[in-house]
Amino acid sequence: MTKAELENKIATLKMDYIRIQGDMEKLESVGRNVEATERVLIQIEEELKECNQQLAKCPS
């Protein structure tokens, strides 16, 4: 992936993370189970970590 592609992917993942985090808060407020949502957030965090590592290796 190019640097621009990685930056776009990171931005998209961050937006998804924020949206899902909001959804999780809504679920919690009505007493729903949030385990599946937490797993999705963990997956996004791992993907962000990988993308940031790749981005650090890209030439400026």
N, C-alpha and C. Protein backbone atom coordinates (compact mmCIF):
# COMPACT_ATOMS: atom_id res chain seq x y z
N MET A 1 0.82 -1.18 0.00
CA MET A 1 0.00 0.00 0.00
C MET A 1 0.87 1.25 0.00
N THR A 2 0.36 2.26 -0.66
CA THR A 2 1.08 3.52 -0.65
C THR A 2 0.80 4.27 0.65
N LYS A 3 1.59 5.31 0.88
CA LYS A 3 1.42 6.12 2.09
C LYS A 3 0.02 6.72 2.13
N ALA A 4 -0.44 7.24 1.01
CA ALA A 4 -1.78 7.86 0.94
C ALA A 4 -2.87 6.83 1.22
N GLU A 5 -2.73 5.63 0.68
CA GLU A 5 -3.71 4.58 0.92
C GLU A 5 -3.76 4.20 2.40
N LEU A 6 -2.58 4.11 3.01
CA LEU A 6 -2.52 3.79 4.44
C LEU A 6 -3.16 4.90 5.27
N GLU A 7 -2.88 6.14 4.93
CA GLU A 7 -3.47 7.26 5.66
C GLU A 7 -4.98 7.27 5.54
N ASN A 8 -5.49 6.96 4.34
CA ASN A 8 -6.95 6.89 4.13
C ASN A 8 -7.56 5.75 4.93
N LYS A 9 -6.88 4.60 4.92
CA LYS A 9 -7.38 3.45 5.66
C LYS A 9 -7.41 3.75 7.16
N ILE A 10 -6.37 4.40 7.67
CA ILE A 10 -6.31 4.76 9.08
C ILE A 10 -7.45 5.71 9.42
N ALA A 11 -7.69 6.70 8.58
CA ALA A 11 -8.78 7.66 8.82
C ALA A 11 -10.13 6.94 8.85
N THR A 12 -10.34 6.01 7.93
CA THR A 12 -11.58 5.25 7.88
C THR A 12 -11.75 4.39 9.12
N LEU A 13 -10.68 3.72 9.52
CA LEU A 13 -10.73 2.89 10.72
C LEU A 13 -11.05 3.72 11.96
N LYS A 14 -10.46 4.91 12.05
CA LYS A 14 -10.73 5.78 13.19
C LYS A 14 -12.20 6.20 13.22
N MET A 15 -12.75 6.53 12.06
CA MET A 15 -14.16 6.91 12.01
C MET A 15 -15.06 5.74 12.41
N ASP A 16 -14.72 4.54 11.91
CA ASP A 16 -15.48 3.34 12.28
C ASP A 16 -15.41 3.09 13.78
N TYR A 17 -14.22 3.27 14.34
CA TYR A 17 -14.02 3.04 15.77
C TYR A 17 -14.90 3.98 16.59
N ILE A 18 -14.91 5.24 16.22
CA ILE A 18 -15.71 6.22 16.95
C ILE A 18 -17.20 5.89 16.84
N ARG A 19 -17.64 5.52 15.64
CA ARG A 19 -19.06 5.18 15.43
C ARG A 19 -19.45 3.97 16.26
N ILE A 20 -18.62 2.93 16.24
CA ILE A 20 -18.93 1.71 16.97
C ILE A 20 -18.88 1.95 18.47
N GLN A 21 -17.95 2.78 18.90
CA GLN A 21 -17.85 3.11 20.31
C GLN A 21 -19.15 3.80 20.78
N GLY A 22 -19.68 4.68 19.96
CA GLY A 22 -20.95 5.33 20.27
C GLY A 22 -22.09 4.34 20.33
N ASP A 23 -22.10 3.40 19.38
CA ASP A 23 -23.12 2.36 19.38
C ASP A 23 -23.04 1.53 20.66
N MET A 24 -21.82 1.22 21.08
CA MET A 24 -21.62 0.42 22.28
C MET A 24 -22.15 1.16 23.51
N GLU A 25 -21.91 2.45 23.58
CA GLU A 25 -22.40 3.24 24.71
C GLU A 25 -23.93 3.23 24.75
N LYS A 26 -24.56 3.29 23.58
CA LYS A 26 -26.03 3.23 23.52
C LYS A 26 -26.52 1.86 24.01
N LEU A 27 -25.85 0.80 23.57
CA LEU A 27 -26.23 -0.54 24.00
C LEU A 27 -26.09 -0.69 25.51
N GLU A 28 -24.98 -0.19 26.04
CA GLU A 28 -24.75 -0.26 27.49
C GLU A 28 -25.82 0.49 28.26
N SER A 29 -26.24 1.62 27.74
CA SER A 29 -27.21 2.46 28.46
C SER A 29 -28.57 1.79 28.59
N VAL A 30 -28.87 0.86 27.71
CA VAL A 30 -30.15 0.15 27.79
C VAL A 30 -29.97 -1.28 28.32
N GLY A 31 -28.77 -1.56 28.83
CA GLY A 31 -28.52 -2.85 29.47
C GLY A 31 -28.28 -4.02 28.53
N ARG A 32 -27.87 -3.74 27.32
CA ARG A 32 -27.61 -4.82 26.35
C ARG A 32 -26.20 -5.34 26.48
N ASN A 33 -25.97 -6.55 25.99
CA ASN A 33 -24.65 -7.18 26.01
C ASN A 33 -23.77 -6.49 24.96
N VAL A 34 -22.56 -6.12 25.35
CA VAL A 34 -21.66 -5.40 24.43
C VAL A 34 -20.40 -6.20 24.10
N GLU A 35 -20.36 -7.49 24.44
CA GLU A 35 -19.15 -8.29 24.20
C GLU A 35 -18.77 -8.33 22.73
N ALA A 36 -19.74 -8.53 21.85
CA ALA A 36 -19.44 -8.59 20.41
C ALA A 36 -18.89 -7.26 19.92
N THR A 37 -19.46 -6.18 20.41
CA THR A 37 -19.02 -4.84 20.02
C THR A 37 -17.60 -4.59 20.51
N GLU A 38 -17.30 -5.05 21.72
CA GLU A 38 -15.94 -4.89 22.25
C GLU A 38 -14.93 -5.66 21.40
N ARG A 39 -15.32 -6.84 20.92
CA ARG A 39 -14.41 -7.63 20.06
C ARG A 39 -14.14 -6.89 18.75
N VAL A 40 -15.15 -6.24 18.21
CA VAL A 40 -14.97 -5.47 16.97
C VAL A 40 -14.00 -4.32 17.21
N LEU A 41 -14.15 -3.63 18.34
CA LEU A 41 -13.24 -2.53 18.66
C LEU A 41 -11.81 -3.02 18.81
N ILE A 42 -11.63 -4.17 19.42
CA ILE A 42 -10.29 -4.74 19.58
C ILE A 42 -9.69 -5.07 18.21
N GLN A 43 -10.51 -5.61 17.30
CA GLN A 43 -10.02 -5.92 15.95
C GLN A 43 -9.60 -4.64 15.22
N ILE A 44 -10.38 -3.59 15.37
CA ILE A 44 -10.04 -2.32 14.73
C ILE A 44 -8.74 -1.77 15.32
N GLU A 45 -8.58 -1.88 16.63
CA GLU A 45 -7.35 -1.41 17.27
C GLU A 45 -6.13 -2.15 16.72
N GLU A 46 -6.26 -3.46 16.54
CA GLU A 46 -5.15 -4.24 15.98
C GLU A 46 -4.85 -3.82 14.55
N GLU A 47 -5.89 -3.61 13.77
CA GLU A 47 -5.69 -3.19 12.38
C GLU A 47 -5.05 -1.80 12.32
N LEU A 48 -5.47 -0.91 13.21
CA LEU A 48 -4.85 0.42 13.28
C LEU A 48 -3.37 0.31 13.63
N LYS A 49 -3.07 -0.55 14.57
CA LYS A 49 -1.68 -0.76 14.98
C LYS A 49 -0.84 -1.22 13.79
N GLU A 50 -1.35 -2.20 13.04
CA GLU A 50 -0.63 -2.71 11.87
C GLU A 50 -0.45 -1.62 10.81
N CYS A 51 -1.50 -0.86 10.56
CA CYS A 51 -1.42 0.20 9.55
C CYS A 51 -0.42 1.27 9.97
N ASN A 52 -0.43 1.64 11.24
CA ASN A 52 0.53 2.65 11.72
C ASN A 52 1.96 2.15 11.62
N GLN A 53 2.18 0.86 11.88
CA GLN A 53 3.50 0.29 11.73
C GLN A 53 3.94 0.33 10.27
N GLN A 54 3.04 -0.01 9.37
CA GLN A 54 3.36 0.04 7.94
C GLN A 54 3.65 1.48 7.50
N LEU A 55 2.85 2.41 8.02
CA LEU A 55 3.01 3.81 7.67
C LEU A 55 4.37 4.33 8.14
N ALA A 56 4.82 3.87 9.31
CA ALA A 56 6.12 4.30 9.83
C ALA A 56 7.26 3.83 8.94
N LYS A 57 7.04 2.74 8.22
CA LYS A 57 8.08 2.19 7.35
C LYS A 57 8.08 2.82 5.96
N CYS A 58 7.02 3.55 5.63
CA CYS A 58 6.92 4.19 4.31
C CYS A 58 7.89 5.35 4.21
N PRO A 59 8.49 5.50 3.05
CA PRO A 59 9.37 6.67 2.86
C PRO A 59 8.53 7.94 2.84
N SER A 60 9.08 9.00 3.34
CA SER A 60 8.34 10.28 3.45
C SER A 60 8.08 10.90 2.13
